[in-house]
Amino acid sequence: MEALVCRKLGDPTATEPGSPESPVEVSKNHPIPPLTSDTAVRVKVTATSLNFANYLQILGKYQEKPPLPFIPGSDYSGIVDAIGPSVTKFRVGDRVCSFAPLGSYAQFIVADQSLLFLVPEGCDMIAAAALPVAFGTSHVALVHRARLTSGQVLMVLGAAGGVGLAAVQIGKICGAVVIAVASLSQANLAFGDIKDRKAIGKVMIALDHKATLSSKL
């Protein structure tokens, strides 16, 4: 299978793709990972996301430092390719998404069935690949730690990013009054093309510290 492999630590943006100086390289014949337990599921990756943590891992600046070489990548979506004999939640061909400490920058990845989520019909697989880390981070912060409730005021800085946009949606679902702070260009990019506008509702958006307006989403 093809996989992006980190052979040494360094900045992948500082060199040309394919350069021998690059810390990462595309392996064309990396071994397909086998099922590691009776409840393991192998997924053929459809899409995967790029998070800042992935970049930090390649730089060697993330708090968890895997031994070299390693395949970076965290959250992903894909199609179930193979299952262990004790798997009960999924079948071959199911659409799933999940996140992992490493390994999603490859054509195949193996995870325990307990770590996978079924992607509903109609949900875009690219969107599903960007969901676990961003929405998981915001959900833990707002629901489990902050215990956000109806009527409270939530200000989201960097609201146009992945975690920020997730926080806006989760805040509205919790019934909070949401103030989203983002630059004008990023706000237009993040909020202007949302198809399911009910997922956002009415929020206050602060733009570039110069203007505040009530969104009509």
N, C-alpha and C. Protein backbone atom coordinates (compact mmCIF):
# COMPACT_ATOMS: atom_id res chain seq x y z
N MET A 1 0.84 -1.19 0.00
CA MET A 1 0.00 0.00 0.00
C MET A 1 0.88 1.24 0.00
N GLU A 2 0.29 2.37 -0.34
CA GLU A 2 0.99 3.64 -0.24
C GLU A 2 0.81 4.22 1.16
N ALA A 3 1.84 4.87 1.66
CA ALA A 3 1.78 5.49 2.99
C ALA A 3 2.79 6.61 3.05
N LEU A 4 2.46 7.64 3.81
CA LEU A 4 3.40 8.72 4.07
C LEU A 4 4.18 8.36 5.33
N VAL A 5 5.47 8.18 5.19
CA VAL A 5 6.30 7.70 6.29
C VAL A 5 7.26 8.79 6.74
N CYS A 6 7.30 9.03 8.03
CA CYS A 6 8.27 9.97 8.60
C CYS A 6 9.53 9.20 8.96
N ARG A 7 10.62 9.48 8.25
CA ARG A 7 11.88 8.76 8.46
C ARG A 7 12.79 9.47 9.46
N LYS A 8 12.66 10.80 9.53
CA LYS A 8 13.47 11.59 10.45
C LYS A 8 12.66 12.81 10.85
N LEU A 9 13.06 13.47 11.92
CA LEU A 9 12.33 14.64 12.40
C LEU A 9 12.79 15.89 11.65
N GLY A 10 11.84 16.78 11.41
CA GLY A 10 12.16 18.02 10.71
C GLY A 10 10.92 18.68 10.17
N ASP A 11 11.11 19.79 9.50
CA ASP A 11 10.00 20.57 8.97
C ASP A 11 9.70 20.13 7.54
N PRO A 12 8.56 19.49 7.29
CA PRO A 12 8.24 19.03 5.93
C PRO A 12 7.94 20.16 4.97
N THR A 13 7.67 21.35 5.50
CA THR A 13 7.39 22.50 4.62
C THR A 13 8.65 23.22 4.17
N ALA A 14 9.80 22.84 4.72
CA ALA A 14 11.05 23.53 4.41
C ALA A 14 11.77 22.96 3.19
N THR A 15 11.27 21.85 2.67
CA THR A 15 11.91 21.22 1.51
C THR A 15 10.87 20.94 0.44
N GLU A 16 11.33 20.69 -0.77
CA GLU A 16 10.43 20.35 -1.87
C GLU A 16 9.91 18.92 -1.67
N PRO A 17 8.66 18.67 -2.07
CA PRO A 17 8.14 17.30 -2.00
C PRO A 17 9.02 16.32 -2.76
N GLY A 18 9.34 15.21 -2.14
CA GLY A 18 10.19 14.22 -2.78
C GLY A 18 11.67 14.45 -2.60
N SER A 19 12.04 15.55 -1.98
CA SER A 19 13.46 15.83 -1.76
C SER A 19 14.05 14.84 -0.76
N PRO A 20 15.29 14.40 -0.96
CA PRO A 20 15.94 13.49 0.00
C PRO A 20 16.14 14.14 1.37
N GLU A 21 16.04 15.47 1.42
CA GLU A 21 16.19 16.17 2.69
C GLU A 21 14.88 16.22 3.48
N SER A 22 13.78 15.87 2.85
CA SER A 22 12.49 15.93 3.52
C SER A 22 12.40 14.88 4.62
N PRO A 23 11.77 15.22 5.74
CA PRO A 23 11.62 14.22 6.81
C PRO A 23 10.58 13.15 6.48
N VAL A 24 9.76 13.39 5.46
CA VAL A 24 8.72 12.42 5.11
C VAL A 24 8.90 11.98 3.65
N GLU A 25 8.43 10.79 3.37
CA GLU A 25 8.47 10.28 2.00
C GLU A 25 7.26 9.39 1.77
N VAL A 26 6.84 9.30 0.52
CA VAL A 26 5.73 8.42 0.17
C VAL A 26 6.29 7.04 -0.15
N SER A 27 5.90 6.06 0.65
CA SER A 27 6.31 4.68 0.41
C SER A 27 5.25 4.02 -0.48
N LYS A 28 5.69 3.44 -1.58
CA LYS A 28 4.77 2.83 -2.53
C LYS A 28 4.46 1.37 -2.22
N ASN A 29 5.27 0.75 -1.38
CA ASN A 29 5.08 -0.68 -1.11
C ASN A 29 5.13 -0.97 0.39
N HIS A 30 4.52 -0.11 1.17
CA HIS A 30 4.46 -0.34 2.61
C HIS A 30 3.54 -1.52 2.88
N PRO A 31 3.87 -2.37 3.83
CA PRO A 31 3.02 -3.55 4.09
C PRO A 31 1.63 -3.16 4.61
N ILE A 32 0.62 -3.86 4.11
CA ILE A 32 -0.75 -3.63 4.60
C ILE A 32 -0.83 -4.18 6.02
N PRO A 33 -1.34 -3.38 6.97
CA PRO A 33 -1.37 -3.84 8.36
C PRO A 33 -2.34 -5.02 8.55
N PRO A 34 -1.92 -6.04 9.27
CA PRO A 34 -2.81 -7.19 9.52
C PRO A 34 -3.77 -6.89 10.67
N LEU A 35 -4.82 -7.69 10.78
CA LEU A 35 -5.71 -7.60 11.93
C LEU A 35 -4.94 -8.03 13.17
N THR A 36 -5.00 -7.22 14.22
CA THR A 36 -4.16 -7.45 15.40
C THR A 36 -4.88 -8.15 16.54
N SER A 37 -6.20 -8.35 16.43
CA SER A 37 -6.97 -9.04 17.47
C SER A 37 -8.27 -9.54 16.87
N ASP A 38 -9.02 -10.29 17.66
CA ASP A 38 -10.29 -10.83 17.18
C ASP A 38 -11.34 -9.74 16.98
N THR A 39 -11.15 -8.58 17.63
CA THR A 39 -12.11 -7.48 17.47
C THR A 39 -11.55 -6.34 16.63
N ALA A 40 -10.48 -6.61 15.91
CA ALA A 40 -9.85 -5.59 15.07
C ALA A 40 -10.60 -5.43 13.75
N VAL A 41 -10.55 -4.22 13.22
CA VAL A 41 -11.18 -3.89 11.95
C VAL A 41 -10.14 -3.18 11.08
N ARG A 42 -10.02 -3.63 9.84
CA ARG A 42 -9.13 -2.93 8.91
C ARG A 42 -9.98 -2.04 8.00
N VAL A 43 -9.56 -0.79 7.90
CA VAL A 43 -10.31 0.21 7.15
C VAL A 43 -9.47 0.68 5.96
N LYS A 44 -10.09 0.72 4.78
CA LYS A 44 -9.47 1.34 3.62
C LYS A 44 -9.78 2.82 3.68
N VAL A 45 -8.76 3.64 3.85
CA VAL A 45 -8.94 5.06 4.12
C VAL A 45 -9.46 5.79 2.89
N THR A 46 -10.56 6.52 3.08
CA THR A 46 -11.12 7.35 2.03
C THR A 46 -10.57 8.77 2.11
N ALA A 47 -10.53 9.30 3.33
CA ALA A 47 -10.04 10.67 3.55
C ALA A 47 -9.42 10.75 4.93
N THR A 48 -8.48 11.66 5.08
CA THR A 48 -7.85 11.90 6.39
C THR A 48 -7.58 13.39 6.50
N SER A 49 -7.47 13.87 7.72
CA SER A 49 -7.31 15.31 7.93
C SER A 49 -5.89 15.64 8.36
N LEU A 50 -5.57 16.92 8.21
CA LEU A 50 -4.27 17.42 8.66
C LEU A 50 -4.49 18.31 9.86
N ASN A 51 -3.98 17.89 10.99
CA ASN A 51 -4.10 18.67 12.23
C ASN A 51 -2.73 19.21 12.65
N PHE A 52 -2.75 20.26 13.44
CA PHE A 52 -1.49 20.85 13.88
C PHE A 52 -0.65 19.85 14.65
N ALA A 53 -1.33 18.95 15.39
CA ALA A 53 -0.60 17.94 16.15
C ALA A 53 0.22 17.03 15.23
N ASN A 54 -0.31 16.74 14.04
CA ASN A 54 0.44 15.90 13.09
C ASN A 54 1.73 16.59 12.66
N TYR A 55 1.62 17.88 12.41
CA TYR A 55 2.80 18.68 12.04
C TYR A 55 3.83 18.69 13.17
N LEU A 56 3.35 18.86 14.40
CA LEU A 56 4.25 18.88 15.55
C LEU A 56 4.95 17.53 15.73
N GLN A 57 4.23 16.44 15.46
CA GLN A 57 4.85 15.11 15.58
C GLN A 57 6.01 14.95 14.62
N ILE A 58 5.84 15.42 13.38
CA ILE A 58 6.91 15.31 12.40
C ILE A 58 8.09 16.21 12.78
N LEU A 59 7.79 17.35 13.40
CA LEU A 59 8.85 18.24 13.88
C LEU A 59 9.58 17.66 15.09
N GLY A 60 8.92 16.72 15.78
CA GLY A 60 9.47 16.19 17.02
C GLY A 60 9.15 17.04 18.23
N LYS A 61 8.12 17.90 18.11
CA LYS A 61 7.78 18.83 19.18
C LYS A 61 6.46 18.51 19.87
N TYR A 62 5.85 17.38 19.51
CA TYR A 62 4.60 16.98 20.16
C TYR A 62 4.94 16.27 21.46
N GLN A 63 3.98 16.30 22.42
CA GLN A 63 4.27 15.70 23.73
C GLN A 63 4.47 14.19 23.65
N GLU A 64 3.82 13.55 22.69
CA GLU A 64 4.03 12.12 22.47
C GLU A 64 4.99 11.97 21.29
N LYS A 65 6.10 11.29 21.51
CA LYS A 65 7.14 11.19 20.49
C LYS A 65 7.30 9.72 20.08
N PRO A 66 6.65 9.32 18.99
CA PRO A 66 6.74 7.93 18.54
C PRO A 66 8.13 7.63 17.99
N PRO A 67 8.55 6.39 18.09
CA PRO A 67 9.86 6.02 17.52
C PRO A 67 9.82 6.07 16.00
N LEU A 68 10.94 6.41 15.42
CA LEU A 68 11.07 6.44 13.97
C LEU A 68 11.33 5.03 13.43
N PRO A 69 10.89 4.76 12.20
CA PRO A 69 9.98 5.56 11.38
C PRO A 69 8.53 5.36 11.82
N PHE A 70 7.66 6.30 11.45
CA PHE A 70 6.24 6.15 11.78
C PHE A 70 5.39 6.79 10.68
N ILE A 71 4.13 6.36 10.64
CA ILE A 71 3.17 6.94 9.70
C ILE A 71 2.34 7.95 10.48
N PRO A 72 2.41 9.23 10.13
CA PRO A 72 1.61 10.23 10.84
C PRO A 72 0.13 10.08 10.50
N GLY A 73 -0.68 10.95 11.12
CA GLY A 73 -2.10 10.99 10.81
C GLY A 73 -2.96 10.56 11.97
N SER A 74 -4.09 11.24 12.15
CA SER A 74 -4.95 10.95 13.29
C SER A 74 -6.37 10.58 12.85
N ASP A 75 -7.23 11.58 12.56
CA ASP A 75 -8.61 11.19 12.25
C ASP A 75 -8.78 10.90 10.76
N TYR A 76 -9.77 10.04 10.47
CA TYR A 76 -9.92 9.54 9.11
C TYR A 76 -11.33 8.98 8.91
N SER A 77 -11.69 8.78 7.66
CA SER A 77 -12.90 8.04 7.32
C SER A 77 -12.54 7.00 6.27
N GLY A 78 -13.37 5.97 6.15
CA GLY A 78 -13.06 4.95 5.17
C GLY A 78 -14.09 3.84 5.14
N ILE A 79 -13.77 2.80 4.40
CA ILE A 79 -14.66 1.65 4.21
C ILE A 79 -14.05 0.43 4.89
N VAL A 80 -14.86 -0.30 5.64
CA VAL A 80 -14.38 -1.50 6.32
C VAL A 80 -13.93 -2.52 5.27
N ASP A 81 -12.67 -2.94 5.39
CA ASP A 81 -12.06 -3.85 4.42
C ASP A 81 -12.00 -5.29 4.94
N ALA A 82 -11.79 -5.45 6.25
CA ALA A 82 -11.70 -6.78 6.84
C ALA A 82 -12.02 -6.67 8.33
N ILE A 83 -12.56 -7.74 8.90
CA ILE A 83 -12.92 -7.73 10.32
C ILE A 83 -12.42 -9.01 11.00
N GLY A 84 -12.16 -8.90 12.30
CA GLY A 84 -11.79 -10.06 13.09
C GLY A 84 -13.00 -10.94 13.36
N PRO A 85 -12.77 -12.18 13.80
CA PRO A 85 -13.87 -13.14 13.99
C PRO A 85 -14.86 -12.76 15.08
N SER A 86 -14.47 -11.87 16.01
CA SER A 86 -15.36 -11.50 17.10
C SER A 86 -15.99 -10.11 16.93
N VAL A 87 -15.80 -9.50 15.76
CA VAL A 87 -16.38 -8.18 15.51
C VAL A 87 -17.88 -8.32 15.33
N THR A 88 -18.65 -7.51 16.07
CA THR A 88 -20.12 -7.58 16.03
C THR A 88 -20.76 -6.27 15.58
N LYS A 89 -20.00 -5.18 15.60
CA LYS A 89 -20.59 -3.87 15.33
C LYS A 89 -20.54 -3.46 13.86
N PHE A 90 -19.65 -4.08 13.09
CA PHE A 90 -19.43 -3.64 11.72
C PHE A 90 -19.33 -4.82 10.77
N ARG A 91 -19.61 -4.52 9.50
CA ARG A 91 -19.47 -5.50 8.43
C ARG A 91 -18.57 -4.93 7.34
N VAL A 92 -18.00 -5.80 6.55
CA VAL A 92 -17.21 -5.35 5.41
C VAL A 92 -18.09 -4.49 4.50
N GLY A 93 -17.56 -3.33 4.13
CA GLY A 93 -18.32 -2.40 3.30
C GLY A 93 -18.94 -1.25 4.05
N ASP A 94 -18.99 -1.32 5.40
CA ASP A 94 -19.54 -0.22 6.20
C ASP A 94 -18.68 1.02 6.07
N ARG A 95 -19.33 2.18 6.13
CA ARG A 95 -18.62 3.47 6.13
C ARG A 95 -18.38 3.87 7.59
N VAL A 96 -17.12 4.15 7.93
CA VAL A 96 -16.77 4.44 9.32
C VAL A 96 -15.83 5.63 9.39
N CYS A 97 -15.70 6.18 10.58
CA CYS A 97 -14.68 7.19 10.85
C CYS A 97 -14.13 6.96 12.24
N SER A 98 -12.96 7.51 12.50
CA SER A 98 -12.32 7.33 13.80
C SER A 98 -11.10 8.22 13.89
N PHE A 99 -10.37 8.10 14.98
CA PHE A 99 -9.09 8.78 15.13
C PHE A 99 -8.11 7.83 15.80
N ALA A 100 -6.84 8.06 15.54
CA ALA A 100 -5.79 7.19 16.06
C ALA A 100 -4.59 8.04 16.43
N PRO A 101 -3.74 7.57 17.31
CA PRO A 101 -2.52 8.32 17.64
C PRO A 101 -1.62 8.52 16.43
N LEU A 102 -1.60 7.52 15.54
CA LEU A 102 -0.75 7.54 14.34
C LEU A 102 -1.43 6.70 13.26
N GLY A 103 -0.96 6.86 12.02
CA GLY A 103 -1.25 5.87 11.01
C GLY A 103 -2.28 6.14 9.95
N SER A 104 -2.97 7.30 9.98
CA SER A 104 -4.04 7.50 9.01
C SER A 104 -3.55 7.99 7.65
N TYR A 105 -2.29 8.39 7.54
CA TYR A 105 -1.76 8.83 6.25
C TYR A 105 -1.28 7.61 5.46
N ALA A 106 -2.21 6.70 5.25
CA ALA A 106 -1.93 5.46 4.55
C ALA A 106 -3.21 4.96 3.91
N GLN A 107 -3.10 4.00 3.03
CA GLN A 107 -4.29 3.47 2.36
C GLN A 107 -5.11 2.58 3.28
N PHE A 108 -4.47 1.97 4.27
CA PHE A 108 -5.18 1.10 5.21
C PHE A 108 -4.74 1.40 6.63
N ILE A 109 -5.68 1.22 7.55
CA ILE A 109 -5.37 1.38 8.97
C ILE A 109 -6.21 0.37 9.75
N VAL A 110 -5.69 -0.11 10.87
CA VAL A 110 -6.39 -1.09 11.69
C VAL A 110 -6.75 -0.46 13.04
N ALA A 111 -7.98 -0.68 13.48
CA ALA A 111 -8.44 -0.16 14.77
C ALA A 111 -9.38 -1.17 15.42
N ASP A 112 -9.48 -1.12 16.72
CA ASP A 112 -10.45 -1.97 17.41
C ASP A 112 -11.86 -1.45 17.12
N GLN A 113 -12.82 -2.35 17.07
CA GLN A 113 -14.19 -1.94 16.75
C GLN A 113 -14.75 -0.92 17.73
N SER A 114 -14.26 -0.92 18.96
CA SER A 114 -14.75 0.01 19.98
C SER A 114 -14.35 1.45 19.68
N LEU A 115 -13.40 1.66 18.78
CA LEU A 115 -12.91 3.00 18.48
C LEU A 115 -13.50 3.57 17.20
N LEU A 116 -14.35 2.80 16.52
CA LEU A 116 -14.91 3.23 15.25
C LEU A 116 -16.33 3.76 15.41
N PHE A 117 -16.69 4.70 14.53
CA PHE A 117 -18.04 5.24 14.48
C PHE A 117 -18.62 5.00 13.09
N LEU A 118 -19.86 4.58 13.04
CA LEU A 118 -20.53 4.39 11.75
C LEU A 118 -20.89 5.75 11.18
N VAL A 119 -20.54 5.98 9.93
CA VAL A 119 -20.87 7.24 9.25
C VAL A 119 -22.28 7.12 8.68
N PRO A 120 -23.20 8.01 9.07
CA PRO A 120 -24.58 7.91 8.58
C PRO A 120 -24.67 8.13 7.08
N GLU A 121 -25.67 7.53 6.47
CA GLU A 121 -25.91 7.75 5.05
C GLU A 121 -26.20 9.22 4.82
N GLY A 122 -25.64 9.75 3.76
CA GLY A 122 -25.83 11.16 3.45
C GLY A 122 -24.74 12.05 4.00
N CYS A 123 -23.95 11.53 4.94
CA CYS A 123 -22.84 12.31 5.50
C CYS A 123 -21.64 12.20 4.57
N ASP A 124 -21.06 13.32 4.22
CA ASP A 124 -19.91 13.36 3.34
C ASP A 124 -18.71 12.72 4.03
N MET A 125 -17.99 11.87 3.32
CA MET A 125 -16.86 11.16 3.92
C MET A 125 -15.69 12.08 4.21
N ILE A 126 -15.53 13.14 3.43
CA ILE A 126 -14.46 14.09 3.72
C ILE A 126 -14.77 14.84 5.01
N ALA A 127 -16.03 15.23 5.17
CA ALA A 127 -16.43 15.90 6.42
C ALA A 127 -16.27 14.95 7.60
N ALA A 128 -16.62 13.69 7.41
CA ALA A 128 -16.50 12.71 8.49
C ALA A 128 -15.05 12.53 8.92
N ALA A 129 -14.12 12.66 7.98
CA ALA A 129 -12.70 12.49 8.29
C ALA A 129 -12.17 13.64 9.14
N ALA A 130 -12.83 14.78 9.10
CA ALA A 130 -12.38 15.94 9.87
C ALA A 130 -13.16 16.09 11.17
N LEU A 131 -14.06 15.17 11.45
CA LEU A 131 -14.95 15.31 12.61
C LEU A 131 -14.34 14.86 13.94
N PRO A 132 -13.70 13.69 14.04
CA PRO A 132 -13.35 13.14 15.37
C PRO A 132 -12.48 14.04 16.24
N VAL A 133 -11.39 14.58 15.71
CA VAL A 133 -10.48 15.37 16.54
C VAL A 133 -11.09 16.73 16.88
N ALA A 134 -11.59 17.45 15.87
CA ALA A 134 -12.11 18.80 16.10
C ALA A 134 -13.34 18.77 16.99
N PHE A 135 -14.33 17.96 16.64
CA PHE A 135 -15.56 17.92 17.44
C PHE A 135 -15.32 17.21 18.76
N GLY A 136 -14.45 16.20 18.77
CA GLY A 136 -14.14 15.53 20.03
C GLY A 136 -13.48 16.46 21.03
N THR A 137 -12.55 17.29 20.54
CA THR A 137 -11.87 18.26 21.42
C THR A 137 -12.85 19.25 22.01
N SER A 138 -13.71 19.83 21.15
CA SER A 138 -14.68 20.82 21.63
C SER A 138 -15.72 20.19 22.55
N HIS A 139 -16.15 18.98 22.23
CA HIS A 139 -17.17 18.31 23.05
C HIS A 139 -16.65 18.03 24.45
N VAL A 140 -15.43 17.54 24.55
CA VAL A 140 -14.85 17.28 25.87
C VAL A 140 -14.70 18.59 26.65
N ALA A 141 -14.24 19.64 25.97
CA ALA A 141 -14.01 20.92 26.65
C ALA A 141 -15.30 21.55 27.14
N LEU A 142 -16.33 21.57 26.29
CA LEU A 142 -17.55 22.31 26.60
C LEU A 142 -18.57 21.49 27.39
N VAL A 143 -18.73 20.23 27.04
CA VAL A 143 -19.77 19.41 27.67
C VAL A 143 -19.25 18.72 28.93
N HIS A 144 -18.09 18.11 28.84
CA HIS A 144 -17.59 17.34 29.98
C HIS A 144 -16.87 18.19 31.02
N ARG A 145 -16.07 19.16 30.56
CA ARG A 145 -15.31 19.96 31.50
C ARG A 145 -16.04 21.23 31.92
N ALA A 146 -16.47 22.04 30.96
CA ALA A 146 -17.15 23.30 31.29
C ALA A 146 -18.60 23.10 31.69
N ARG A 147 -19.20 21.98 31.27
CA ARG A 147 -20.62 21.69 31.54
C ARG A 147 -21.50 22.86 31.09
N LEU A 148 -21.30 23.27 29.85
CA LEU A 148 -22.03 24.39 29.27
C LEU A 148 -23.54 24.11 29.26
N THR A 149 -24.33 25.09 29.69
CA THR A 149 -25.78 24.90 29.77
C THR A 149 -26.49 26.06 29.09
N SER A 150 -27.79 25.91 28.92
CA SER A 150 -28.62 26.90 28.26
C SER A 150 -28.57 28.23 28.99
N GLY A 151 -28.45 29.32 28.21
CA GLY A 151 -28.45 30.66 28.78
C GLY A 151 -27.08 31.20 29.09
N GLN A 152 -26.07 30.34 29.18
CA GLN A 152 -24.72 30.82 29.41
C GLN A 152 -24.16 31.45 28.13
N VAL A 153 -23.15 32.30 28.29
CA VAL A 153 -22.52 32.97 27.16
C VAL A 153 -21.19 32.28 26.86
N LEU A 154 -21.00 31.88 25.62
CA LEU A 154 -19.76 31.23 25.19
C LEU A 154 -19.09 32.09 24.14
N MET A 155 -17.86 32.52 24.40
CA MET A 155 -17.07 33.23 23.39
C MET A 155 -16.04 32.27 22.83
N VAL A 156 -16.06 32.10 21.51
CA VAL A 156 -15.15 31.19 20.83
C VAL A 156 -14.14 32.00 20.04
N LEU A 157 -12.88 31.96 20.45
CA LEU A 157 -11.80 32.61 19.70
C LEU A 157 -11.31 31.66 18.62
N GLY A 158 -10.93 32.20 17.48
CA GLY A 158 -10.53 31.34 16.37
C GLY A 158 -11.69 30.50 15.89
N ALA A 159 -12.87 31.12 15.80
CA ALA A 159 -14.09 30.38 15.52
C ALA A 159 -14.17 29.84 14.09
N ALA A 160 -13.27 30.27 13.22
CA ALA A 160 -13.30 29.80 11.84
C ALA A 160 -12.45 28.55 11.62
N GLY A 161 -11.72 28.13 12.65
CA GLY A 161 -10.93 26.91 12.54
C GLY A 161 -11.77 25.68 12.81
N GLY A 162 -11.15 24.51 12.72
CA GLY A 162 -11.89 23.27 12.91
C GLY A 162 -12.48 23.13 14.30
N VAL A 163 -11.64 23.28 15.33
CA VAL A 163 -12.12 23.17 16.70
C VAL A 163 -13.07 24.32 17.04
N GLY A 164 -12.76 25.52 16.52
CA GLY A 164 -13.61 26.67 16.79
C GLY A 164 -14.99 26.54 16.19
N LEU A 165 -15.07 26.11 14.94
CA LEU A 165 -16.35 25.93 14.29
C LEU A 165 -17.17 24.84 14.97
N ALA A 166 -16.49 23.79 15.41
CA ALA A 166 -17.17 22.74 16.17
C ALA A 166 -17.71 23.29 17.49
N ALA A 167 -16.94 24.16 18.14
CA ALA A 167 -17.37 24.74 19.41
C ALA A 167 -18.62 25.61 19.23
N VAL A 168 -18.68 26.35 18.11
CA VAL A 168 -19.86 27.17 17.84
C VAL A 168 -21.10 26.29 17.72
N GLN A 169 -21.00 25.20 16.98
CA GLN A 169 -22.16 24.33 16.79
C GLN A 169 -22.56 23.62 18.08
N ILE A 170 -21.57 23.13 18.82
CA ILE A 170 -21.88 22.45 20.08
C ILE A 170 -22.47 23.45 21.08
N GLY A 171 -21.93 24.68 21.10
CA GLY A 171 -22.47 25.71 21.99
C GLY A 171 -23.92 26.00 21.71
N LYS A 172 -24.30 26.08 20.43
CA LYS A 172 -25.69 26.33 20.08
C LYS A 172 -26.58 25.17 20.47
N ILE A 173 -26.11 23.95 20.29
CA ILE A 173 -26.89 22.78 20.68
C ILE A 173 -27.13 22.76 22.19
N CYS A 174 -26.13 23.25 22.94
CA CYS A 174 -26.27 23.32 24.40
C CYS A 174 -27.19 24.46 24.85
N GLY A 175 -27.57 25.32 23.91
CA GLY A 175 -28.46 26.42 24.25
C GLY A 175 -27.76 27.68 24.69
N ALA A 176 -26.46 27.77 24.50
CA ALA A 176 -25.70 28.94 24.94
C ALA A 176 -25.85 30.09 23.95
N VAL A 177 -25.59 31.30 24.45
CA VAL A 177 -25.45 32.46 23.58
C VAL A 177 -24.01 32.46 23.09
N VAL A 178 -23.80 32.31 21.79
CA VAL A 178 -22.46 32.10 21.25
C VAL A 178 -21.95 33.37 20.59
N ILE A 179 -20.75 33.79 20.98
CA ILE A 179 -20.04 34.89 20.33
C ILE A 179 -18.83 34.28 19.64
N ALA A 180 -18.83 34.31 18.31
CA ALA A 180 -17.76 33.72 17.52
C ALA A 180 -16.81 34.81 17.05
N VAL A 181 -15.53 34.66 17.32
CA VAL A 181 -14.53 35.67 16.96
C VAL A 181 -13.63 35.11 15.86
N ALA A 182 -13.58 35.83 14.72
CA ALA A 182 -12.76 35.39 13.60
C ALA A 182 -12.47 36.57 12.70
N SER A 183 -11.44 36.46 11.88
CA SER A 183 -11.15 37.49 10.90
C SER A 183 -12.22 37.46 9.81
N LEU A 184 -12.38 38.56 9.11
CA LEU A 184 -13.42 38.66 8.10
C LEU A 184 -13.26 37.61 7.01
N SER A 185 -12.03 37.44 6.52
CA SER A 185 -11.82 36.48 5.43
C SER A 185 -12.08 35.05 5.89
N GLN A 186 -11.63 34.73 7.10
CA GLN A 186 -11.82 33.38 7.60
C GLN A 186 -13.28 33.12 7.96
N ALA A 187 -13.97 34.14 8.46
CA ALA A 187 -15.38 33.98 8.80
C ALA A 187 -16.21 33.73 7.56
N ASN A 188 -15.92 34.47 6.49
CA ASN A 188 -16.65 34.25 5.25
C ASN A 188 -16.41 32.85 4.71
N LEU A 189 -15.18 32.37 4.86
CA LEU A 189 -14.83 31.04 4.37
C LEU A 189 -15.52 29.96 5.19
N ALA A 190 -15.52 30.13 6.52
CA ALA A 190 -16.04 29.09 7.40
C ALA A 190 -17.56 29.10 7.49
N PHE A 191 -18.15 30.29 7.56
CA PHE A 191 -19.59 30.38 7.81
C PHE A 191 -20.41 30.62 6.54
N GLY A 192 -19.77 31.10 5.48
CA GLY A 192 -20.53 31.51 4.31
C GLY A 192 -21.04 30.38 3.45
N ASP A 193 -20.46 29.17 3.59
CA ASP A 193 -20.82 28.07 2.70
C ASP A 193 -21.38 26.88 3.46
N ILE A 194 -21.91 27.15 4.65
CA ILE A 194 -22.49 26.07 5.45
C ILE A 194 -23.83 25.68 4.86
N LYS A 195 -23.98 24.42 4.49
CA LYS A 195 -25.21 23.97 3.86
C LYS A 195 -26.33 23.79 4.88
N ASP A 196 -26.00 23.21 6.03
CA ASP A 196 -27.01 23.00 7.06
C ASP A 196 -26.97 24.18 8.02
N ARG A 197 -27.67 25.23 7.70
CA ARG A 197 -27.59 26.45 8.50
C ARG A 197 -28.21 26.27 9.88
N LYS A 198 -29.10 25.30 10.04
CA LYS A 198 -29.68 25.05 11.36
C LYS A 198 -28.62 24.56 12.34
N ALA A 199 -27.53 24.03 11.82
CA ALA A 199 -26.46 23.55 12.69
C ALA A 199 -25.74 24.69 13.39
N ILE A 200 -25.87 25.91 12.86
CA ILE A 200 -25.23 27.07 13.46
C ILE A 200 -26.24 27.92 14.21
N GLY A 201 -27.37 28.20 13.57
CA GLY A 201 -28.35 29.07 14.21
C GLY A 201 -27.87 30.51 14.22
N LYS A 202 -28.41 31.32 15.11
CA LYS A 202 -28.01 32.72 15.20
C LYS A 202 -26.87 32.88 16.20
N VAL A 203 -25.79 33.48 15.76
CA VAL A 203 -24.64 33.72 16.62
C VAL A 203 -24.21 35.16 16.43
N MET A 204 -23.43 35.65 17.37
CA MET A 204 -22.79 36.95 17.23
C MET A 204 -21.38 36.72 16.72
N ILE A 205 -21.01 37.43 15.66
CA ILE A 205 -19.69 37.24 15.08
C ILE A 205 -18.90 38.54 15.19
N ALA A 206 -17.74 38.48 15.82
CA ALA A 206 -16.85 39.63 15.91
C ALA A 206 -15.78 39.50 14.82
N LEU A 207 -15.67 40.51 13.97
CA LEU A 207 -14.78 40.45 12.82
C LEU A 207 -13.63 41.45 12.96
N ASP A 208 -12.40 40.95 13.02
CA ASP A 208 -11.21 41.81 13.00
C ASP A 208 -11.20 42.88 14.09
N HIS A 209 -11.95 42.66 15.14
CA HIS A 209 -12.02 43.62 16.25
C HIS A 209 -12.56 44.98 15.82
N LYS A 210 -13.18 45.06 14.64
CA LYS A 210 -13.67 46.34 14.13
C LYS A 210 -15.18 46.39 14.04
N ALA A 211 -15.82 45.24 13.90
CA ALA A 211 -17.26 45.25 13.72
C ALA A 211 -17.86 44.02 14.36
N THR A 212 -19.06 44.16 14.88
CA THR A 212 -19.79 43.03 15.44
C THR A 212 -21.17 43.00 14.83
N LEU A 213 -21.57 41.84 14.36
CA LEU A 213 -22.88 41.77 13.72
C LEU A 213 -23.55 40.46 14.09
N SER A 214 -24.88 40.45 13.97
CA SER A 214 -25.64 39.24 14.25
C SER A 214 -25.77 38.43 12.99
N SER A 215 -25.29 37.21 13.01
CA SER A 215 -25.36 36.38 11.82
C SER A 215 -26.80 36.04 11.51
N LYS A 216 -27.11 35.98 10.24
CA LYS A 216 -28.45 35.62 9.79
C LYS A 216 -28.50 34.16 9.37
N LEU A 217 -27.51 33.40 9.73
CA LEU A 217 -27.51 31.99 9.35
C LEU A 217 -28.69 31.29 10.00
